[in-house]
Protein backbone atom coordinates (compact mmCIF):
# COMPACT_ATOMS: atom_id res chain seq x y z
CA MET A 1 44.64 73.98 -162.30
CA GLU A 2 41.22 73.73 -160.95
CA TYR A 3 41.30 77.59 -159.89
CA ALA A 4 42.95 78.48 -163.28
CA VAL A 5 40.08 76.36 -165.57
CA ALA A 6 37.17 78.01 -163.10
CA ALA A 7 39.18 81.60 -163.57
CA ILE A 8 39.20 81.39 -167.57
CA THR A 9 35.67 80.38 -167.91
CA ASN A 10 34.77 83.33 -165.14
CA MET A 11 37.30 85.91 -167.08
CA LEU A 12 36.05 84.69 -170.57
CA LYS A 13 32.39 84.89 -169.39
CA SER A 14 32.70 88.97 -168.08
CA ALA A 15 35.11 89.48 -170.95
CA ARG A 16 34.76 92.80 -172.55
CA PHE A 17 35.02 93.27 -176.68
CA GLU A 18 37.01 96.41 -178.13
CA VAL A 19 36.23 97.77 -181.53
CA ILE A 20 37.99 100.48 -183.68
CA PRO A 21 35.92 103.07 -185.41
CA MET A 22 36.18 101.83 -188.88
CA LYS A 23 34.90 100.83 -192.10
CA GLY A 24 32.84 97.27 -191.70
CA VAL A 25 33.02 97.80 -188.01
CA ILE A 26 29.53 97.65 -187.45
CA GLU A 27 28.94 94.19 -189.65
CA GLU A 28 31.75 93.13 -187.68
CA ALA A 29 30.67 94.23 -183.87
CA VAL A 30 26.91 92.24 -184.54
CA THR A 31 28.52 89.39 -184.52
CA LEU A 32 29.43 89.06 -180.92
CA PRO A 33 26.90 87.66 -178.21
CA ALA A 34 23.95 89.77 -177.78
CA GLY A 35 24.19 91.96 -175.10
CA SER A 36 27.66 91.69 -174.83
CA VAL A 37 29.83 94.72 -173.40
CA ILE A 38 31.61 96.57 -176.31
CA THR A 39 34.12 99.34 -175.88
CA VAL A 40 34.67 101.51 -178.66
CA THR A 41 38.17 103.35 -179.10
CA ALA A 42 38.76 106.72 -179.54
CA SER A 43 40.55 107.54 -182.89
CA PRO A 44 43.11 109.96 -182.88
CA ARG A 45 42.16 110.71 -186.69
CA LYS A 46 38.59 110.50 -187.00
CA GLY A 47 38.04 112.33 -183.34
CA ILE A 48 35.31 111.94 -180.52
CA GLU A 49 32.74 111.89 -182.94
CA ALA A 50 33.26 108.99 -184.60
CA THR A 51 33.55 107.43 -181.42
CA ILE A 52 30.08 108.12 -180.20
CA MET A 53 28.39 107.97 -183.26
CA LEU A 54 29.59 104.10 -183.54
CA SER A 55 28.66 103.65 -179.79
CA GLU A 56 25.30 105.25 -180.05
CA GLU A 57 24.53 102.47 -183.30
CA LEU A 58 25.65 99.48 -181.38
CA ALA A 59 23.66 100.54 -178.33
CA ALA A 60 20.79 100.67 -180.61
CA ARG A 61 21.31 97.25 -181.16
CA GLY A 62 21.21 95.99 -177.62
CA PHE A 63 24.96 95.96 -176.76
CA ARG A 64 25.99 97.62 -173.66
CA VAL A 65 28.54 100.20 -174.73
CA VAL A 66 31.50 101.88 -173.35
CA PRO A 67 32.76 104.83 -175.22
CA HIS A 68 36.56 105.92 -175.16
CA LEU A 69 37.06 109.57 -174.70
CA THR A 70 40.67 110.82 -174.98
CA ALA A 71 41.53 113.95 -173.06
CA ARG A 72 43.33 115.61 -175.21
CA GLN A 73 40.65 115.69 -177.88
CA VAL A 74 38.16 117.46 -175.77
CA ARG A 75 38.68 121.32 -176.25
CA ASP A 76 37.48 122.60 -172.73
CA LYS A 77 34.72 122.18 -170.06
CA SER A 78 32.20 123.64 -172.11
CA HIS A 79 32.96 120.58 -174.93
CA LEU A 80 33.34 118.02 -172.00
CA LEU A 81 29.60 119.33 -171.08
CA ASP A 82 28.17 118.76 -174.21
CA ILE A 83 29.99 115.72 -174.66
CA VAL A 84 28.29 114.54 -171.22
CA ASP A 85 25.13 115.73 -171.97
CA ARG A 86 25.00 113.57 -175.25
CA LEU A 87 26.23 110.27 -173.62
CA SER A 88 23.31 111.07 -171.16
CA ALA A 89 21.00 111.23 -173.67
CA GLY A 90 21.99 108.05 -174.93
CA GLY A 91 21.63 105.97 -171.78
CA PHE A 92 25.48 105.48 -171.43
CA LYS A 93 26.31 104.45 -167.87
CA ASP A 94 30.22 103.61 -168.68
CA VAL A 95 32.76 105.59 -170.12
CA PHE A 96 36.61 104.84 -170.54
CA ILE A 97 39.20 107.85 -170.35
CA ILE A 98 42.50 107.73 -171.56
CA GLY A 99 45.22 110.58 -171.97
CA GLY A 100 45.96 110.46 -175.68
CA ASP A 101 49.17 110.33 -177.55
CA ILE A 102 48.46 112.96 -179.51
CA THR A 103 51.38 115.34 -179.09
CA GLU A 104 49.61 118.69 -178.42
CA PRO A 105 45.95 118.60 -176.75
CA VAL A 106 42.93 120.26 -178.73
CA GLY A 107 42.27 122.39 -175.75
CA THR A 108 42.72 122.37 -171.84
CA TYR A 109 43.13 118.91 -171.12
CA ASP A 110 46.51 117.11 -171.38
CA SER A 111 45.67 114.64 -168.97
CA SER A 112 42.87 112.02 -167.95
CA SER A 113 43.55 112.92 -164.37
CA ALA A 114 42.43 116.96 -165.82
CA LEU A 115 39.29 115.73 -167.38
CA ILE A 116 38.22 113.26 -164.80
CA ALA A 117 38.46 116.11 -162.31
CA ASP A 118 35.69 118.07 -163.96
CA MET A 119 33.57 114.77 -165.24
CA VAL A 120 33.10 113.56 -161.67
CA GLU A 121 31.38 117.31 -160.96
CA MET A 122 28.63 116.89 -163.44
CA GLY A 123 25.75 115.13 -162.45
CA ASN A 124 24.30 113.17 -165.29
CA ARG A 125 27.79 111.72 -165.92
CA PRO A 126 27.92 108.14 -166.59
CA ARG A 127 28.00 106.17 -163.01
CA ARG A 128 31.15 104.35 -164.13
CA ILE A 129 34.38 105.33 -164.98
CA GLY A 130 37.28 103.74 -166.34
CA VAL A 131 41.00 104.21 -167.32
CA ALA A 132 44.17 102.39 -168.56
CA ALA A 133 47.19 100.72 -167.03
CA TYR A 134 50.08 99.62 -168.11
CA PRO A 135 51.95 96.38 -167.03
CA GLU A 136 54.93 97.39 -169.86
CA GLY A 137 54.81 100.78 -168.84
CA HIS A 138 54.51 103.45 -171.50
CA PRO A 139 56.61 104.86 -174.04
CA LEU A 140 55.97 108.65 -172.81
CA ILE A 141 55.77 108.48 -169.12
CA ASN A 142 57.97 106.45 -166.60
CA ARG A 143 56.56 104.27 -163.96
CA GLU A 144 56.58 106.12 -160.70
CA VAL A 145 54.15 108.76 -162.41
CA LEU A 146 52.06 106.21 -163.73
CA MET A 147 51.46 104.66 -160.33
CA ARG A 148 51.03 107.91 -158.96
CA ALA A 149 48.19 109.04 -161.52
CA LEU A 150 46.69 105.41 -161.08
CA LYS A 151 46.81 106.42 -156.83
CA ASP A 152 45.78 109.79 -157.60
CA LYS A 153 42.60 108.87 -160.10
CA GLN A 154 41.25 106.05 -157.60
CA PRO A 155 38.87 107.92 -155.68
CA PHE A 156 37.28 109.30 -158.79
CA VAL A 157 37.07 105.77 -160.97
CA ASN A 158 35.30 102.43 -161.03
CA TYR A 159 38.12 100.11 -162.46
CA MET A 160 41.34 99.73 -164.55
CA VAL A 161 41.73 98.09 -168.09
CA THR A 162 45.45 97.15 -169.02
CA GLN A 163 47.08 97.59 -172.28
CA ILE A 164 47.83 94.46 -174.33
CA CYS A 165 50.69 92.65 -172.84
CA PHE A 166 52.27 88.90 -174.00
CA ASP A 167 53.70 88.30 -170.86
CA ALA A 168 51.91 86.41 -167.90
CA GLN A 169 54.72 87.20 -165.35
CA THR A 170 55.04 90.48 -166.45
CA ILE A 171 51.18 91.19 -165.69
CA GLY A 172 51.68 89.47 -162.23
CA LYS A 173 54.35 91.52 -161.22
CA TRP A 174 52.80 94.83 -161.91
CA LEU A 175 49.15 93.49 -160.32
CA ALA A 176 51.43 92.98 -157.56
CA ASP A 177 53.04 96.18 -157.16
CA VAL A 178 50.33 98.22 -157.97
CA ARG A 179 48.29 96.38 -154.86
CA ALA A 180 51.47 96.82 -152.70
CA ASN A 181 50.93 100.48 -153.49
CA GLY A 182 47.37 100.83 -152.02
CA ILE A 183 45.53 100.92 -155.70
CA THR A 184 42.63 98.09 -155.28
CA LEU A 185 40.65 98.98 -158.42
CA PRO A 186 39.20 95.84 -160.44
CA VAL A 187 41.25 95.43 -163.33
CA TYR A 188 40.12 94.06 -166.78
CA ILE A 189 43.22 92.18 -168.13
CA GLY A 190 43.89 93.42 -171.67
CA ILE A 191 44.16 90.47 -174.43
CA PRO A 192 44.29 90.00 -177.96
CA GLY A 193 41.76 87.98 -179.61
CA ILE A 194 42.44 85.30 -182.26
CA LEU A 195 44.52 87.06 -185.18
CA LYS A 196 46.82 86.47 -187.83
CA ARG A 197 50.19 86.65 -186.18
CA SER A 198 51.55 89.27 -189.07
CA ARG A 199 48.46 91.35 -188.35
CA LEU A 200 49.28 91.33 -184.56
CA LEU A 201 52.68 92.04 -184.54
CA GLU A 202 52.11 95.14 -186.85
CA ILE A 203 49.58 96.46 -184.70
CA SER A 204 51.51 95.58 -181.39
CA LEU A 205 54.52 97.72 -183.32
CA LYS A 206 52.28 100.71 -183.73
CA VAL A 207 51.19 100.79 -180.05
CA GLY A 208 54.34 100.01 -178.82
CA VAL A 209 53.75 97.07 -176.89
CA GLY A 210 56.89 95.53 -174.75
CA ASP A 211 60.88 95.82 -174.77
CA SER A 212 60.72 93.54 -177.61
CA THR A 213 59.49 95.90 -180.10
CA ARG A 214 63.07 96.76 -180.90
CA PHE A 215 63.90 93.62 -181.94
CA LEU A 216 60.55 93.07 -183.76
CA LYS A 217 61.05 96.30 -185.83
CA ASN A 218 64.92 94.93 -186.95
CA HIS A 219 63.53 91.80 -187.64
CA TRP A 220 60.10 92.86 -188.98
CA GLY A 221 60.52 91.66 -192.72
CA MET A 222 61.56 88.33 -191.68
CA ILE A 223 59.03 87.65 -188.98
CA ALA A 224 56.19 88.76 -190.97
CA ARG A 225 56.95 86.60 -193.89
CA ILE A 226 57.12 83.30 -191.37
CA LEU A 227 53.85 84.20 -190.07
CA GLN A 228 51.64 85.62 -192.57
CA ASN A 229 49.63 82.63 -192.59
CA ASP A 230 49.38 81.52 -188.81
CA LEU A 231 47.18 82.18 -186.37
CA TYR A 232 47.42 83.88 -182.92
CA LYS A 233 45.51 82.50 -180.14
CA PRO A 234 45.46 83.88 -176.88
CA ASP A 235 44.78 80.33 -174.93
CA ASP A 236 48.32 79.73 -173.71
CA LEU A 237 48.41 83.39 -172.62
CA MET A 238 45.29 83.20 -170.58
CA LYS A 239 46.25 79.88 -169.06
CA LYS A 240 49.15 81.60 -168.07
CA ILE A 241 47.42 84.52 -166.18
CA THR A 242 45.02 82.66 -164.31
CA GLY A 243 47.47 80.54 -163.15
CA LEU A 244 49.26 83.27 -161.70
CA ILE A 245 46.68 85.70 -160.36
CA LYS A 246 44.79 85.09 -157.54
CA ASP A 247 43.73 88.38 -157.17
CA ARG A 248 39.82 88.29 -156.88
CA SER A 249 39.56 91.83 -158.04
CA VAL A 250 39.95 90.67 -161.63
CA ALA A 251 37.08 91.42 -163.29
CA GLY A 252 37.60 89.80 -166.43
CA PHE A 253 39.25 90.18 -170.07
CA HIS A 254 39.32 93.05 -172.50
CA ILE A 255 39.70 91.52 -175.52
CA TYR A 256 41.00 93.70 -178.16
CA THR A 257 39.28 92.26 -181.31
CA PHE A 258 41.10 94.40 -183.82
CA ASN A 259 37.39 94.22 -185.41
CA GLN A 260 37.67 90.51 -186.17
CA CYS A 261 34.76 90.08 -183.94
CA LEU A 262 32.94 87.01 -185.77
CA SER A 263 36.34 84.90 -185.64
CA ILE A 264 36.75 86.13 -181.62
CA ARG A 265 33.03 84.99 -181.17
CA LYS A 266 34.00 81.68 -182.55
CA TRP A 267 36.93 80.87 -180.52
CA ARG A 268 35.54 82.23 -177.31
CA GLN A 269 32.74 79.90 -177.87
CA ARG A 270 35.02 76.87 -178.37
CA ALA A 271 37.37 77.71 -175.56
CA LEU A 272 33.91 77.78 -173.14
CA GLN A 273 33.12 74.68 -174.01
CA ARG A 274 36.76 73.24 -173.52
CA TYR A 275 37.11 74.47 -170.55
CA ARG A 276 33.58 73.39 -169.23
CA THR A 277 34.62 69.56 -170.33
């Protein structure tokens, strides 16, 4: 238990906070601790421009910002060069790259691997590159392909971030598997922040988190009514994760805020105080 308490404290201190480029996000994001690492998602509807604009605004307020780039939203190498030039001008040192789930790429990049291969040749690119990882798998990509893709990208990237998973055992098994396959990248473990359970379940259904989504889809109306006034807190999940994972290359938590930043800041402060006592 001593290791778990120390691990929770360290992982909360080094946590990154993910926000979504939508109305009201600035007002929420500025409530996070000064100098926090904030990652800005790539919106399939609003495109890369919205991500970069929000990233620039948050960086101007003193946050360390990590823009997300969706490969399938980048038209070609010339477009990528323009993006990298803009990130360089903005002083961004870290970027998170995903393939994206849009059905048809807008241009020549159909995967994060293809985009990374071109980006790493650009001298002014951000020095750190992160990629996504899926403890529960991906609805469109089988596990073997996901594992091979991580291994292929490893020489060119610096860390990985897991999609939300509510099962610590699944996360622990996945991490053991990637290490057994020679993938040594540091990992940020993705967890949801404090959020109404009904909203959390709604979002989880949209992103396809876990095998349990089939049950949730069939019983969504009942579950939403039961849980609509109840808050989800990730404390139990954190304890289970840190109790299972002894891997010292776990860099911290990646907290999916869903733009509920003020609530998450207060929860995090209380958690840090609690684990220090």
